[in-house]
PDB file of N, CA and C in Angstrom:
ATOM      1  N   MET A   1      21.068  63.436 -36.523  1.00  0.00           N
ATOM      2  CA  MET A   1      20.589  63.914 -35.252  1.00  0.00           C
ATOM      3  C   MET A   1      19.732  65.160 -35.506  1.00  0.00           C
ATOM      4  N   MET A   2      18.568  65.257 -34.842  1.00  0.00           N
ATOM      5  CA  MET A   2      17.686  66.398 -34.997  1.00  0.00           C
ATOM      6  C   MET A   2      18.170  67.560 -34.159  1.00  0.00           C
ATOM      7  N   LYS A   3      17.989  68.723 -34.670  1.00  0.00           N
ATOM      8  CA  LYS A   3      18.393  69.935 -33.951  1.00  0.00           C
ATOM      9  C   LYS A   3      17.390  70.231 -32.845  1.00  0.00           C
ATOM     10  N   PRO A   4      17.810  70.794 -31.689  1.00  0.00           N
ATOM     11  CA  PRO A   4      16.917  71.116 -30.572  1.00  0.00           C
ATOM     12  C   PRO A   4      15.782  72.058 -30.960  1.00  0.00           C
ATOM     13  N   VAL A   5      16.026  72.972 -31.858  1.00  0.00           N
ATOM     14  CA  VAL A   5      14.975  73.907 -32.270  1.00  0.00           C
ATOM     15  C   VAL A   5      13.862  73.156 -32.988  1.00  0.00           C
ATOM     16  N   PHE A   6      14.221  72.222 -33.843  1.00  0.00           N
ATOM     17  CA  PHE A   6      13.232  71.436 -34.576  1.00  0.00           C
ATOM     18  C   PHE A   6      12.393  70.592 -33.619  1.00  0.00           C
ATOM     19  N   LEU A   7      13.038  69.973 -32.636  1.00  0.00           N
ATOM     20  CA  LEU A   7      12.319  69.171 -31.647  1.00  0.00           C
ATOM     21  C   LEU A   7      11.366  70.041 -30.821  1.00  0.00           C
ATOM     22  N   THR A   8      11.784  71.241 -30.491  1.00  0.00           N
ATOM     23  CA  THR A   8      10.923  72.158 -29.754  1.00  0.00           C
ATOM     24  C   THR A   8       9.707  72.539 -30.579  1.00  0.00           C
ATOM     25  N   LEU A   9       9.903  72.774 -31.864  1.00  0.00           N
ATOM     26  CA  LEU A   9       8.784  73.102 -32.751  1.00  0.00           C
ATOM     27  C   LEU A   9       7.790  71.942 -32.841  1.00  0.00           C
ATOM     28  N   ILE A  10       8.284  70.737 -32.924  1.00  0.00           N
ATOM     29  CA  ILE A  10       7.408  69.560 -32.980  1.00  0.00           C
ATOM     30  C   ILE A  10       6.619  69.430 -31.672  1.00  0.00           C
ATOM     31  N   ALA A  11       7.299  69.586 -30.554  1.00  0.00           N
ATOM     32  CA  ALA A  11       6.627  69.485 -29.253  1.00  0.00           C
ATOM     33  C   ALA A  11       5.565  70.565 -29.109  1.00  0.00           C
ATOM     34  N   THR A  12       5.869  71.780 -29.536  1.00  0.00           N
ATOM     35  CA  THR A  12       4.898  72.881 -29.468  1.00  0.00           C
ATOM     36  C   THR A  12       3.699  72.589 -30.349  1.00  0.00           C
ATOM     37  N   PHE A  13       3.940  72.108 -31.563  1.00  0.00           N
ATOM     38  CA  PHE A  13       2.849  71.774 -32.477  1.00  0.00           C
ATOM     39  C   PHE A  13       1.942  70.707 -31.878  1.00  0.00           C
ATOM     40  N   LEU A  14       2.523  69.656 -31.330  1.00  0.00           N
ATOM     41  CA  LEU A  14       1.729  68.585 -30.744  1.00  0.00           C
ATOM     42  C   LEU A  14       0.932  69.065 -29.541  1.00  0.00           C
ATOM     43  N   THR A  15       1.481  69.953 -28.750  1.00  0.00           N
ATOM     44  CA  THR A  15       0.786  70.479 -27.576  1.00  0.00           C
ATOM     45  C   THR A  15      -0.461  71.252 -27.977  1.00  0.00           C
ATOM     46  N   PHE A  16      -0.348  72.063 -29.005  1.00  0.00           N
ATOM     47  CA  PHE A  16      -1.470  72.918 -29.387  1.00  0.00           C
ATOM     48  C   PHE A  16      -2.451  72.261 -30.351  1.00  0.00           C
ATOM     49  N   THR A  17      -2.110  71.126 -30.929  1.00  0.00           N
ATOM     50  CA  THR A  17      -3.024  70.468 -31.855  1.00  0.00           C
ATOM     51  C   THR A  17      -3.623  69.182 -31.298  1.00  0.00           C
ATOM     52  N   SER A  18      -3.187  68.748 -30.136  1.00  0.00           N
ATOM     53  CA  SER A  18      -3.729  67.534 -29.525  1.00  0.00           C
ATOM     54  C   SER A  18      -5.137  67.792 -29.013  1.00  0.00           C
ATOM     55  N   PRO A  19      -6.018  66.794 -29.108  1.00  0.00           N
ATOM     56  CA  PRO A  19      -7.373  66.986 -28.581  1.00  0.00           C
ATOM     57  C   PRO A  19      -7.342  67.218 -27.076  1.00  0.00           C
ATOM     58  N   GLN A  20      -8.196  68.075 -26.626  1.00  0.00           N
ATOM     59  CA  GLN A  20      -8.278  68.397 -25.198  1.00  0.00           C
ATOM     60  C   GLN A  20      -9.289  67.472 -24.533  1.00  0.00           C
ATOM     61  N   THR A  21      -8.808  66.462 -23.837  1.00  0.00           N
ATOM     62  CA  THR A  21      -9.697  65.485 -23.234  1.00  0.00           C
ATOM     63  C   THR A  21     -10.473  66.044 -22.050  1.00  0.00           C
ATOM     64  N   ALA A  22      -9.950  67.019 -21.361  1.00  0.00           N
ATOM     65  CA  ALA A  22     -10.644  67.568 -20.195  1.00  0.00           C
ATOM     66  C   ALA A  22     -11.966  68.207 -20.591  1.00  0.00           C
ATOM     67  N   ASP A  23     -12.012  68.834 -21.750  1.00  0.00           N
ATOM     68  CA  ASP A  23     -13.242  69.472 -22.218  1.00  0.00           C
ATOM     69  C   ASP A  23     -14.265  68.445 -22.691  1.00  0.00           C
ATOM     70  N   ALA A  24     -13.817  67.261 -23.056  1.00  0.00           N
ATOM     71  CA  ALA A  24     -14.708  66.248 -23.600  1.00  0.00           C
ATOM     72  C   ALA A  24     -15.252  65.301 -22.534  1.00  0.00           C
ATOM     73  N   ARG A  25     -14.943  65.537 -21.280  1.00  0.00           N
ATOM     74  CA  ARG A  25     -15.372  64.625 -20.223  1.00  0.00           C
ATOM     75  C   ARG A  25     -16.891  64.624 -20.082  1.00  0.00           C
ATOM     76  N   ASP A  26     -17.453  63.444 -19.982  1.00  0.00           N
ATOM     77  CA  ASP A  26     -18.890  63.303 -19.764  1.00  0.00           C
ATOM     78  C   ASP A  26     -19.171  63.126 -18.283  1.00  0.00           C
ATOM     79  N   TYR A  27     -20.294  63.652 -17.860  1.00  0.00           N
ATOM     80  CA  TYR A  27     -20.770  63.496 -16.486  1.00  0.00           C
ATOM     81  C   TYR A  27     -22.134  62.813 -16.533  1.00  0.00           C
ATOM     82  N   PHE A  28     -22.304  61.807 -15.692  1.00  0.00           N
ATOM     83  CA  PHE A  28     -23.534  61.024 -15.681  1.00  0.00           C
ATOM     84  C   PHE A  28     -24.286  61.191 -14.372  1.00  0.00           C
ATOM     85  N   GLY A  29     -25.589  61.062 -14.467  1.00  0.00           N
ATOM     86  CA  GLY A  29     -26.453  61.058 -13.304  1.00  0.00           C
ATOM     87  C   GLY A  29     -27.513  60.000 -13.482  1.00  0.00           C
ATOM     88  N   ALA A  30     -28.220  59.678 -12.390  1.00  0.00           N
ATOM     89  CA  ALA A  30     -29.248  58.646 -12.455  1.00  0.00           C
ATOM     90  C   ALA A  30     -30.267  58.842 -11.337  1.00  0.00           C
ATOM     91  N   ILE A  31     -31.435  58.250 -11.554  1.00  0.00           N
ATOM     92  CA  ILE A  31     -32.499  58.251 -10.549  1.00  0.00           C
ATOM     93  C   ILE A  31     -33.017  56.828 -10.422  1.00  0.00           C
ATOM     94  N   ALA A  32     -33.208  56.384  -9.185  1.00  0.00           N
ATOM     95  CA  ALA A  32     -33.816  55.080  -8.889  1.00  0.00           C
ATOM     96  C   ALA A  32     -35.016  55.337  -7.989  1.00  0.00           C
ATOM     97  N   VAL A  33     -36.058  54.501  -8.142  1.00  0.00           N
ATOM     98  CA  VAL A  33     -37.294  54.704  -7.389  1.00  0.00           C
ATOM     99  C   VAL A  33     -37.809  53.365  -6.865  1.00  0.00           C
ATOM    100  N   ALA A  34     -38.385  53.406  -5.653  1.00  0.00           N
ATOM    101  CA  ALA A  34     -38.986  52.223  -5.030  1.00  0.00           C
ATOM    102  C   ALA A  34     -40.508  52.366  -5.021  1.00  0.00           C
ATOM    103  N   PRO A  35     -41.233  51.259  -4.889  1.00  0.00           N
ATOM    104  CA  PRO A  35     -42.702  51.308  -4.879  1.00  0.00           C
ATOM    105  C   PRO A  35     -43.291  52.188  -3.767  1.00  0.00           C
ATOM    106  N   ASN A  36     -42.569  52.330  -2.661  1.00  0.00           N
ATOM    107  CA  ASN A  36     -43.107  53.140  -1.555  1.00  0.00           C
ATOM    108  C   ASN A  36     -42.789  54.633  -1.700  1.00  0.00           C
ATOM    109  N   GLY A  37     -42.185  55.013  -2.824  1.00  0.00           N
ATOM    110  CA  GLY A  37     -41.861  56.412  -3.063  1.00  0.00           C
ATOM    111  C   GLY A  37     -40.451  56.812  -2.685  1.00  0.00           C
ATOM    112  N   ALA A  38     -39.704  55.910  -2.057  1.00  0.00           N
ATOM    113  CA  ALA A  38     -38.307  56.207  -1.756  1.00  0.00           C
ATOM    114  C   ALA A  38     -37.539  56.323  -3.077  1.00  0.00           C
ATOM    115  N   TYR A  39     -36.463  57.071  -3.057  1.00  0.00           N
ATOM    116  CA  TYR A  39     -35.697  57.264  -4.283  1.00  0.00           C
ATOM    117  C   TYR A  39     -34.221  57.451  -3.950  1.00  0.00           C
ATOM    118  N   GLY A  40     -33.422  57.335  -4.971  1.00  0.00           N
ATOM    119  CA  GLY A  40     -31.999  57.641  -4.896  1.00  0.00           C
ATOM    120  C   GLY A  40     -31.642  58.450  -6.120  1.00  0.00           C
ATOM    121  N   ILE A  41     -30.691  59.338  -5.974  1.00  0.00           N
ATOM    122  CA  ILE A  41     -30.313  60.201  -7.087  1.00  0.00           C
ATOM    123  C   ILE A  41     -28.809  60.432  -7.066  1.00  0.00           C
ATOM    124  N   SER A  42     -28.215  60.554  -8.237  1.00  0.00           N
ATOM    125  CA  SER A  42     -26.783  60.796  -8.338  1.00  0.00           C
ATOM    126  C   SER A  42     -26.512  61.757  -9.492  1.00  0.00           C
ATOM    127  N   TRP A  43     -25.339  62.393  -9.434  1.00  0.00           N
ATOM    128  CA  TRP A  43     -24.915  63.278 -10.514  1.00  0.00           C
ATOM    129  C   TRP A  43     -23.408  63.415 -10.477  1.00  0.00           C
ATOM    130  N   ASP A  44     -22.832  63.781 -11.598  1.00  0.00           N
ATOM    131  CA  ASP A  44     -21.394  64.006 -11.766  1.00  0.00           C
ATOM    132  C   ASP A  44     -20.538  62.764 -11.555  1.00  0.00           C
ATOM    133  N   TYR A  45     -21.006  61.637 -12.039  1.00  0.00           N
ATOM    134  CA  TYR A  45     -20.205  60.423 -12.035  1.00  0.00           C
ATOM    135  C   TYR A  45     -19.564  60.244 -13.406  1.00  0.00           C
ATOM    136  N   SER A  46     -18.422  59.579 -13.446  1.00  0.00           N
ATOM    137  CA  SER A  46     -17.670  59.459 -14.693  1.00  0.00           C
ATOM    138  C   SER A  46     -18.218  58.401 -15.643  1.00  0.00           C
ATOM    139  N   THR A  47     -19.082  57.510 -15.145  1.00  0.00           N
ATOM    140  CA  THR A  47     -19.691  56.502 -16.014  1.00  0.00           C
ATOM    141  C   THR A  47     -21.174  56.353 -15.685  1.00  0.00           C
ATOM    142  N   ARG A  48     -21.889  55.856 -16.670  1.00  0.00           N
ATOM    143  CA  ARG A  48     -23.320  55.580 -16.468  1.00  0.00           C
ATOM    144  C   ARG A  48     -23.509  54.551 -15.363  1.00  0.00           C
ATOM    145  N   GLY A  49     -22.697  53.510 -15.378  1.00  0.00           N
ATOM    146  CA  GLY A  49     -22.811  52.459 -14.374  1.00  0.00           C
ATOM    147  C   GLY A  49     -22.588  52.954 -12.961  1.00  0.00           C
ATOM    148  N   ALA A  50     -21.594  53.805 -12.787  1.00  0.00           N
ATOM    149  CA  ALA A  50     -21.311  54.344 -11.452  1.00  0.00           C
ATOM    150  C   ALA A  50     -22.462  55.220 -10.963  1.00  0.00           C
ATOM    151  N   ALA A  51     -23.022  56.011 -11.857  1.00  0.00           N
ATOM    152  CA  ALA A  51     -24.153  56.869 -11.481  1.00  0.00           C
ATOM    153  C   ALA A  51     -25.368  56.026 -11.111  1.00  0.00           C
ATOM    154  N   THR A  52     -25.645  55.010 -11.899  1.00  0.00           N
ATOM    155  CA  THR A  52     -26.790  54.135 -11.630  1.00  0.00           C
ATOM    156  C   THR A  52     -26.602  53.378 -10.325  1.00  0.00           C
ATOM    157  N   ASN A  53     -25.388  52.859 -10.098  1.00  0.00           N
ATOM    158  CA  ASN A  53     -25.116  52.139  -8.841  1.00  0.00           C
ATOM    159  C   ASN A  53     -25.316  53.038  -7.628  1.00  0.00           C
ATOM    160  N   ARG A  54     -24.857  54.276  -7.706  1.00  0.00           N
ATOM    161  CA  ARG A  54     -25.016  55.205  -6.585  1.00  0.00           C
ATOM    162  C   ARG A  54     -26.483  55.479  -6.299  1.00  0.00           C
ATOM    163  N   ALA A  55     -27.261  55.738  -7.350  1.00  0.00           N
ATOM    164  CA  ALA A  55     -28.690  55.999  -7.166  1.00  0.00           C
ATOM    165  C   ALA A  55     -29.399  54.768  -6.601  1.00  0.00           C
ATOM    166  N   MET A  56     -29.072  53.602  -7.118  1.00  0.00           N
ATOM    167  CA  MET A  56     -29.692  52.368  -6.620  1.00  0.00           C
ATOM    168  C   MET A  56     -29.327  52.113  -5.160  1.00  0.00           C
ATOM    169  N   ASN A  57     -28.062  52.303  -4.799  1.00  0.00           N
ATOM    170  CA  ASN A  57     -27.649  52.089  -3.407  1.00  0.00           C
ATOM    171  C   ASN A  57     -28.332  53.065  -2.459  1.00  0.00           C
ATOM    172  N   GLU A  58     -28.451  54.314  -2.867  1.00  0.00           N
ATOM    173  CA  GLU A  58     -29.139  55.303  -2.035  1.00  0.00           C
ATOM    174  C   GLU A  58     -30.601  54.918  -1.849  1.00  0.00           C
ATOM    175  N   CYS A  59     -31.236  54.469  -2.914  1.00  0.00           N
ATOM    176  CA  CYS A  59     -32.630  54.032  -2.826  1.00  0.00           C
ATOM    177  C   CYS A  59     -32.758  52.795  -1.935  1.00  0.00           C
ATOM    178  N   ARG A  60     -31.869  51.832  -2.121  1.00  0.00           N
ATOM    179  CA  ARG A  60     -31.921  50.591  -1.333  1.00  0.00           C
ATOM    180  C   ARG A  60     -31.697  50.834   0.152  1.00  0.00           C
ATOM    181  N   ASN A  61     -31.003  51.893   0.489  1.00  0.00           N
ATOM    182  CA  ASN A  61     -30.824  52.231   1.897  1.00  0.00           C
ATOM    183  C   ASN A  61     -32.128  52.708   2.528  1.00  0.00           C
ATOM    184  N   ARG A  62     -33.101  53.051   1.715  1.00  0.00           N
ATOM    185  CA  ARG A  62     -34.378  53.572   2.203  1.00  0.00           C
ATOM    186  C   ARG A  62     -35.546  52.610   2.012  1.00  0.00           C
ATOM    187  N   ALA A  63     -35.406  51.670   1.071  1.00  0.00           N
ATOM    188  CA  ALA A  63     -36.553  50.810   0.756  1.00  0.00           C
ATOM    189  C   ALA A  63     -36.113  49.588  -0.033  1.00  0.00           C
ATOM    190  N   ARG A  64     -37.050  48.671  -0.181  1.00  0.00           N
ATOM    191  CA  ARG A  64     -36.851  47.492  -1.028  1.00  0.00           C
ATOM    192  C   ARG A  64     -37.564  47.702  -2.355  1.00  0.00           C
ATOM    193  N   GLY A  65     -37.165  46.928  -3.324  1.00  0.00           N
ATOM    194  CA  GLY A  65     -37.840  46.954  -4.610  1.00  0.00           C
ATOM    195  C   GLY A  65     -37.453  48.117  -5.501  1.00  0.00           C
ATOM    196  N   CYS A  66     -36.299  48.698  -5.269  1.00  0.00           N
ATOM    197  CA  CYS A  66     -35.858  49.833  -6.085  1.00  0.00           C
ATOM    198  C   CYS A  66     -35.588  49.390  -7.516  1.00  0.00           C
ATOM    199  N   ARG A  67     -35.848  50.308  -8.423  1.00  0.00           N
ATOM    200  CA  ARG A  67     -35.512  50.048  -9.817  1.00  0.00           C
ATOM    201  C   ARG A  67     -34.887  51.294 -10.413  1.00  0.00           C
ATOM    202  N   SER A  68     -34.000  51.065 -11.343  1.00  0.00           N
ATOM    203  CA  SER A  68     -33.366  52.168 -12.048  1.00  0.00           C
ATOM    204  C   SER A  68     -34.410  52.802 -12.955  1.00  0.00           C
ATOM    205  N   ALA A  69     -34.640  54.098 -12.771  1.00  0.00           N
ATOM    206  CA  ALA A  69     -35.707  54.772 -13.505  1.00  0.00           C
ATOM    207  C   ALA A  69     -35.194  55.662 -14.627  1.00  0.00           C
ATOM    208  N   LEU A  70     -33.978  56.189 -14.487  1.00  0.00           N
ATOM    209  CA  LEU A  70     -33.474  57.143 -15.471  1.00  0.00           C
ATOM    210  C   LEU A  70     -31.975  57.293 -15.320  1.00  0.00           C
ATOM    211  N   TRP A  71     -31.297  57.482 -16.432  1.00  0.00           N
ATOM    212  CA  TRP A  71     -29.909  57.932 -16.413  1.00  0.00           C
ATOM    213  C   TRP A  71     -29.804  59.082 -17.399  1.00  0.00           C
ATOM    214  N   PHE A  72     -28.858  59.976 -17.154  1.00  0.00           N
ATOM    215  CA  PHE A  72     -28.677  61.117 -18.040  1.00  0.00           C
ATOM    216  C   PHE A  72     -27.196  61.474 -18.120  1.00  0.00           C
ATOM    217  N   ARG A  73     -26.815  62.081 -19.242  1.00  0.00           N
ATOM    218  CA  ARG A  73     -25.420  62.448 -19.486  1.00  0.00           C
ATOM    219  C   ARG A  73     -25.335  63.919 -19.859  1.00  0.00           C
ATOM    220  N   ASN A  74     -24.503  64.656 -19.141  1.00  0.00           N
ATOM    221  CA  ASN A  74     -24.299  66.084 -19.402  1.00  0.00           C
ATOM    222  C   ASN A  74     -25.635  66.807 -19.502  1.00  0.00           C
ATOM    223  N   ALA A  75     -26.496  66.561 -18.535  1.00  0.00           N
ATOM    224  CA  ALA A  75     -27.862  67.079 -18.575  1.00  0.00           C
ATOM    225  C   ALA A  75     -28.433  67.106 -17.162  1.00  0.00           C
ATOM    226  N   CYS A  76     -29.737  67.285 -17.098  1.00  0.00           N
ATOM    227  CA  CYS A  76     -30.458  67.268 -15.828  1.00  0.00           C
ATOM    228  C   CYS A  76     -31.497  66.154 -15.859  1.00  0.00           C
ATOM    229  N   GLY A  77     -31.815  65.639 -14.687  1.00  0.00           N
ATOM    230  CA  GLY A  77     -32.866  64.635 -14.548  1.00  0.00           C
ATOM    231  C   GLY A  77     -33.827  65.078 -13.464  1.00  0.00           C
ATOM    232  N   ALA A  78     -35.099  64.694 -13.617  1.00  0.00           N
ATOM    233  CA  ALA A  78     -36.113  65.082 -12.632  1.00  0.00           C
ATOM    234  C   ALA A  78     -37.047  63.908 -12.355  1.00  0.00           C
ATOM    235  N   LEU A  79     -37.542  63.881 -11.132  1.00  0.00           N
ATOM    236  CA  LEU A  79     -38.502  62.888 -10.674  1.00  0.00           C
ATOM    237  C   LEU A  79     -39.773  63.615 -10.246  1.00  0.00           C
ATOM    238  N   ALA A  80     -40.887  63.272 -10.876  1.00  0.00           N
ATOM    239  CA  ALA A  80     -42.192  63.812 -10.479  1.00  0.00           C
ATOM    240  C   ALA A  80     -42.978  62.669  -9.847  1.00  0.00           C
ATOM    241  N   MET A  81     -43.752  62.981  -8.814  1.00  0.00           N
ATOM    242  CA  MET A  81     -44.471  61.957  -8.065  1.00  0.00           C
ATOM    243  C   MET A  81     -45.770  62.549  -7.546  1.00  0.00           C
ATOM    244  N   ASN A  82     -46.749  61.680  -7.267  1.00  0.00           N
ATOM    245  CA  ASN A  82     -47.967  62.140  -6.602  1.00  0.00           C
ATOM    246  C   ASN A  82     -48.043  61.523  -5.203  1.00  0.00           C
ATOM    247  N   ASP A  83     -49.116  61.800  -4.497  1.00  0.00           N
ATOM    248  CA  ASP A  83     -49.251  61.318  -3.112  1.00  0.00           C
ATOM    249  C   ASP A  83     -49.467  59.814  -3.007  1.00  0.00           C
ATOM    250  N   TYR A  84     -49.673  59.145  -4.131  1.00  0.00           N
ATOM    251  CA  TYR A  84     -49.862  57.691  -4.145  1.00  0.00           C
ATOM    252  C   TYR A  84     -48.603  56.964  -4.607  1.00  0.00           C
ATOM    253  N   ASN A  85     -47.506  57.698  -4.702  1.00  0.00           N
ATOM    254  CA  ASN A  85     -46.207  57.169  -5.114  1.00  0.00           C
ATOM    255  C   ASN A  85     -46.161  56.727  -6.570  1.00  0.00           C
ATOM    256  N   ASP A  86     -47.090  57.234  -7.380  1.00  0.00           N
ATOM    257  CA  ASP A  86     -46.971  57.069  -8.822  1.00  0.00           C
ATOM    258  C   ASP A  86     -45.932  58.086  -9.275  1.00  0.00           C
ATOM    259  N   TRP A  87     -45.151  57.766 -10.285  1.00  0.00           N
ATOM    260  CA  TRP A  87     -44.050  58.647 -10.648  1.00  0.00           C
ATOM    261  C   TRP A  87     -43.721  58.598 -12.128  1.00  0.00           C
ATOM    262  N   ALA A  88     -42.980  59.585 -12.540  1.00  0.00           N
ATOM    263  CA  ALA A  88     -42.408  59.631 -13.891  1.00  0.00           C
ATOM    264  C   ALA A  88     -41.089  60.394 -13.790  1.00  0.00           C
ATOM    265  N   THR A  89     -40.182  60.108 -14.700  1.00  0.00           N
ATOM    266  CA  THR A  89     -38.902  60.803 -14.742  1.00  0.00           C
ATOM    267  C   THR A  89     -38.700  61.383 -16.138  1.00  0.00           C
ATOM    268  N   ALA A  90     -37.766  62.293 -16.248  1.00  0.00           N
ATOM    269  CA  ALA A  90     -37.385  62.848 -17.546  1.00  0.00           C
ATOM    270  C   ALA A  90     -36.018  63.488 -17.419  1.00  0.00           C
ATOM    271  N   TRP A  91     -35.364  63.648 -18.555  1.00  0.00           N
ATOM    272  CA  TRP A  91     -34.102  64.371 -18.597  1.00  0.00           C
ATOM    273  C   TRP A  91     -34.255  65.509 -19.590  1.00  0.00           C
ATOM    274  N   GLY A  92     -33.405  66.525 -19.426  1.00  0.00           N
ATOM    275  CA  GLY A  92     -33.421  67.652 -20.338  1.00  0.00           C
ATOM    276  C   GLY A  92     -32.125  68.415 -20.281  1.00  0.00           C
ATOM    277  N   SER A  93     -31.989  69.358 -21.171  1.00  0.00           N
ATOM    278  CA  SER A  93     -30.760  70.143 -21.269  1.00  0.00           C
ATOM    279  C   SER A  93     -30.555  71.069 -20.076  1.00  0.00           C
ATOM    280  N   ASN A  94     -31.630  71.346 -19.330  1.00  0.00           N
ATOM    281  CA  ASN A  94     -31.513  72.143 -18.111  1.00  0.00           C
ATOM    282  C   ASN A  94     -32.597  71.705 -17.122  1.00  0.00           C
ATOM    283  N   ARG A  95     -32.529  72.252 -15.930  1.00  0.00           N
ATOM    284  CA  ARG A  95     -33.447  71.850 -14.857  1.00  0.00           C
ATOM    285  C   ARG A  95     -34.903  72.059 -15.246  1.00  0.00           C
ATOM    286  N   GLY A  96     -35.221  73.213 -15.812  1.00  0.00           N
ATOM    287  CA  GLY A  96     -36.597  73.518 -16.179  1.00  0.00           C
ATOM    288  C   GLY A  96     -37.174  72.552 -17.194  1.00  0.00           C
ATOM    289  N   VAL A  97     -36.388  72.220 -18.194  1.00  0.00           N
ATOM    290  CA  VAL A  97     -36.850  71.284 -19.224  1.00  0.00           C
ATOM    291  C   VAL A  97     -37.113  69.919 -18.606  1.00  0.00           C
ATOM    292  N   ALA A  98     -36.178  69.420 -17.821  1.00  0.00           N
ATOM    293  CA  ALA A  98     -36.344  68.108 -17.183  1.00  0.00           C
ATOM    294  C   ALA A  98     -37.567  68.089 -16.276  1.00  0.00           C
ATOM    295  N   GLN A  99     -37.737  69.122 -15.463  1.00  0.00           N
ATOM    296  CA  GLN A  99     -38.882  69.174 -14.553  1.00  0.00           C
ATOM    297  C   GLN A  99     -40.199  69.257 -15.315  1.00  0.00           C
ATOM    298  N   ASN A 100     -40.270  70.085 -16.336  1.00  0.00           N
ATOM    299  CA  ASN A 100     -41.514  70.219 -17.095  1.00  0.00           C
ATOM    300  C   ASN A 100     -41.928  68.920 -17.764  1.00  0.00           C
ATOM    301  N   ILE A 101     -40.972  68.228 -18.349  1.00  0.00           N
ATOM    302  CA  ILE A 101     -41.302  66.961 -19.023  1.00  0.00           C
ATOM    303  C   ILE A 101     -41.708  65.902 -18.006  1.00  0.00           C
ATOM    304  N   ALA A 102     -40.981  65.783 -16.905  1.00  0.00           N
ATOM    305  CA  ALA A 102     -41.325  64.792 -15.872  1.00  0.00           C
ATOM    306  C   ALA A 102     -42.715  65.070 -15.309  1.00  0.00           C
ATOM    307  N   LEU A 103     -42.997  66.337 -15.026  1.00  0.00           N
ATOM    308  CA  LEU A 103     -44.296  66.714 -14.473  1.00  0.00           C
ATOM    309  C   LEU A 103     -45.426  66.435 -15.463  1.00  0.00           C
ATOM    310  N   ARG A 104     -45.215  66.790 -16.719  1.00  0.00           N
ATOM    311  CA  ARG A 104     -46.223  66.528 -17.748  1.00  0.00           C
ATOM    312  C   ARG A 104     -46.475  65.026 -17.904  1.00  0.00           C
ATOM    313  N   ASN A 105     -45.399  64.239 -17.962  1.00  0.00           N
ATOM    314  CA  ASN A 105     -45.545  62.794 -18.105  1.00  0.00           C
ATOM    315  C   ASN A 105     -46.298  62.190 -16.922  1.00  0.00           C
ATOM    316  N   CYS A 106     -45.973  62.625 -15.721  1.00  0.00           N
ATOM    317  CA  CYS A 106     -46.618  62.096 -14.525  1.00  0.00           C
ATOM    318  C   CYS A 106     -48.092  62.501 -14.473  1.00  0.00           C
ATOM    319  N   ASN A 107     -48.371  63.773 -14.723  1.00  0.00           N
ATOM    320  CA  ASN A 107     -49.767  64.243 -14.678  1.00  0.00           C
ATOM    321  C   ASN A 107     -50.615  63.640 -15.787  1.00  0.00           C
ATOM    322  N   ASN A 108     -50.047  63.447 -16.975  1.00  0.00           N
ATOM    323  CA  ASN A 108     -50.803  62.819 -18.065  1.00  0.00           C
ATOM    324  C   ASN A 108     -51.175  61.383 -17.739  1.00  0.00           C
ATOM    325  N   ARG A 109     -50.333  60.728 -16.999  1.00  0.00           N
ATOM    326  CA  ARG A 109     -50.581  59.316 -16.692  1.00  0.00           C
ATOM    327  C   ARG A 109     -51.327  59.114 -15.375  1.00  0.00           C
ATOM    328  N   PHE A 110     -51.002  59.935 -14.359  1.00  0.00           N
ATOM    329  CA  PHE A 110     -51.548  59.687 -13.026  1.00  0.00           C
ATOM    330  C   PHE A 110     -52.326  60.854 -12.433  1.00  0.00           C
ATOM    331  N   GLY A 111     -51.868  62.061 -12.624  1.00  0.00           N
ATOM    332  CA  GLY A 111     -52.504  63.246 -12.044  1.00  0.00           C
ATOM    333  C   GLY A 111     -52.001  63.548 -10.646  1.00  0.00           C
ATOM    334  N   GLY A 112     -52.137  64.796 -10.248  1.00  0.00           N
ATOM    335  CA  GLY A 112     -51.765  65.222  -8.900  1.00  0.00           C
ATOM    336  C   GLY A 112     -50.277  65.201  -8.614  1.00  0.00           C
ATOM    337  N   CYS A 113     -49.459  65.322  -9.631  1.00  0.00           N
ATOM    338  CA  CYS A 113     -48.011  65.169  -9.463  1.00  0.00           C
ATOM    339  C   CYS A 113     -47.315  66.486  -9.144  1.00  0.00           C
ATOM    340  N   TYR A 114     -46.176  66.362  -8.531  1.00  0.00           N
ATOM    341  CA  TYR A 114     -45.304  67.480  -8.194  1.00  0.00           C
ATOM    342  C   TYR A 114     -43.864  67.017  -8.341  1.00  0.00           C
ATOM    343  N   ILE A 115     -42.934  67.945  -8.448  1.00  0.00           N
ATOM    344  CA  ILE A 115     -41.517  67.582  -8.556  1.00  0.00           C
ATOM    345  C   ILE A 115     -41.015  67.161  -7.184  1.00  0.00           C
ATOM    346  N   LYS A 116     -40.554  65.943  -7.115  1.00  0.00           N
ATOM    347  CA  LYS A 116     -40.020  65.389  -5.864  1.00  0.00           C
ATOM    348  C   LYS A 116     -38.530  65.701  -5.725  1.00  0.00           C
ATOM    349  N   ARG A 117     -37.778  65.561  -6.837  1.00  0.00           N
ATOM    350  CA  ARG A 117     -36.318  65.767  -6.777  1.00  0.00           C
ATOM    351  C   ARG A 117     -35.790  65.973  -8.180  1.00  0.00           C
ATOM    352  N   TRP A 118     -34.680  66.672  -8.274  1.00  0.00           N
ATOM    353  CA  TRP A 118     -34.006  66.894  -9.539  1.00  0.00           C
ATOM    354  C   TRP A 118     -32.499  66.966  -9.284  1.00  0.00           C
ATOM    355  N   ALA A 119     -31.718  66.812 -10.339  1.00  0.00           N
ATOM    356  CA  ALA A 119     -30.263  66.962 -10.263  1.00  0.00           C
ATOM    357  C   ALA A 119     -29.747  67.298 -11.651  1.00  0.00           C
ATOM    358  N   CYS A 120     -28.666  68.059 -11.695  1.00  0.00           N
ATOM    359  CA  CYS A 120     -27.987  68.387 -12.951  1.00  0.00           C
ATOM    360  C   CYS A 120     -26.510  68.068 -12.813  1.00  0.00           C
ATOM    361  N   THR A 121     -25.936  67.577 -13.899  1.00  0.00           N
ATOM    362  CA  THR A 121     -24.498  67.364 -13.914  1.00  0.00           C
ATOM    363  C   THR A 121     -23.796  68.712 -14.087  1.00  0.00           C
ATOM    364  N   SER A 122     -22.498  68.734 -13.837  1.00  0.00           N
ATOM    365  CA  SER A 122     -21.726  69.967 -13.961  1.00  0.00           C
ATOM    366  C   SER A 122     -21.657  70.482 -15.388  1.00  0.00           C
ATOM    367  N   ARG A 123     -21.809  69.621 -16.321  1.00  0.00           N
ATOM    368  CA  ARG A 123     -21.739  70.010 -17.736  1.00  0.00           C
ATOM    369  C   ARG A 123     -23.023  69.690 -18.420  1.00  0.00           C
TER     370      ARG A 123
END
């Protein structure tokens, strides 16, 4: 039979050496866009699929022909668009990075673009 002190030591060791799953949690976001410029956006979902579904459903509530344009994990996503509903998306480690890349991509391809929407996950 094991002594109570030994069992307590084992329990303490396991508590302090076990991986901390709360710190490792991923957060997902997504952007969906329709041909008429309508969009859907999501952030802080526990899976890529859930984030994409939320963005697609939000877009579909506003328009037809929505398509999944971007997903991101533990990051930020941005949507740049012009007045003709041409668009580009990007993700980055922070809001500024995501917006700058999306804007550059949109302007390089279409011109006249501005940031339409952005989102960042909690982590």
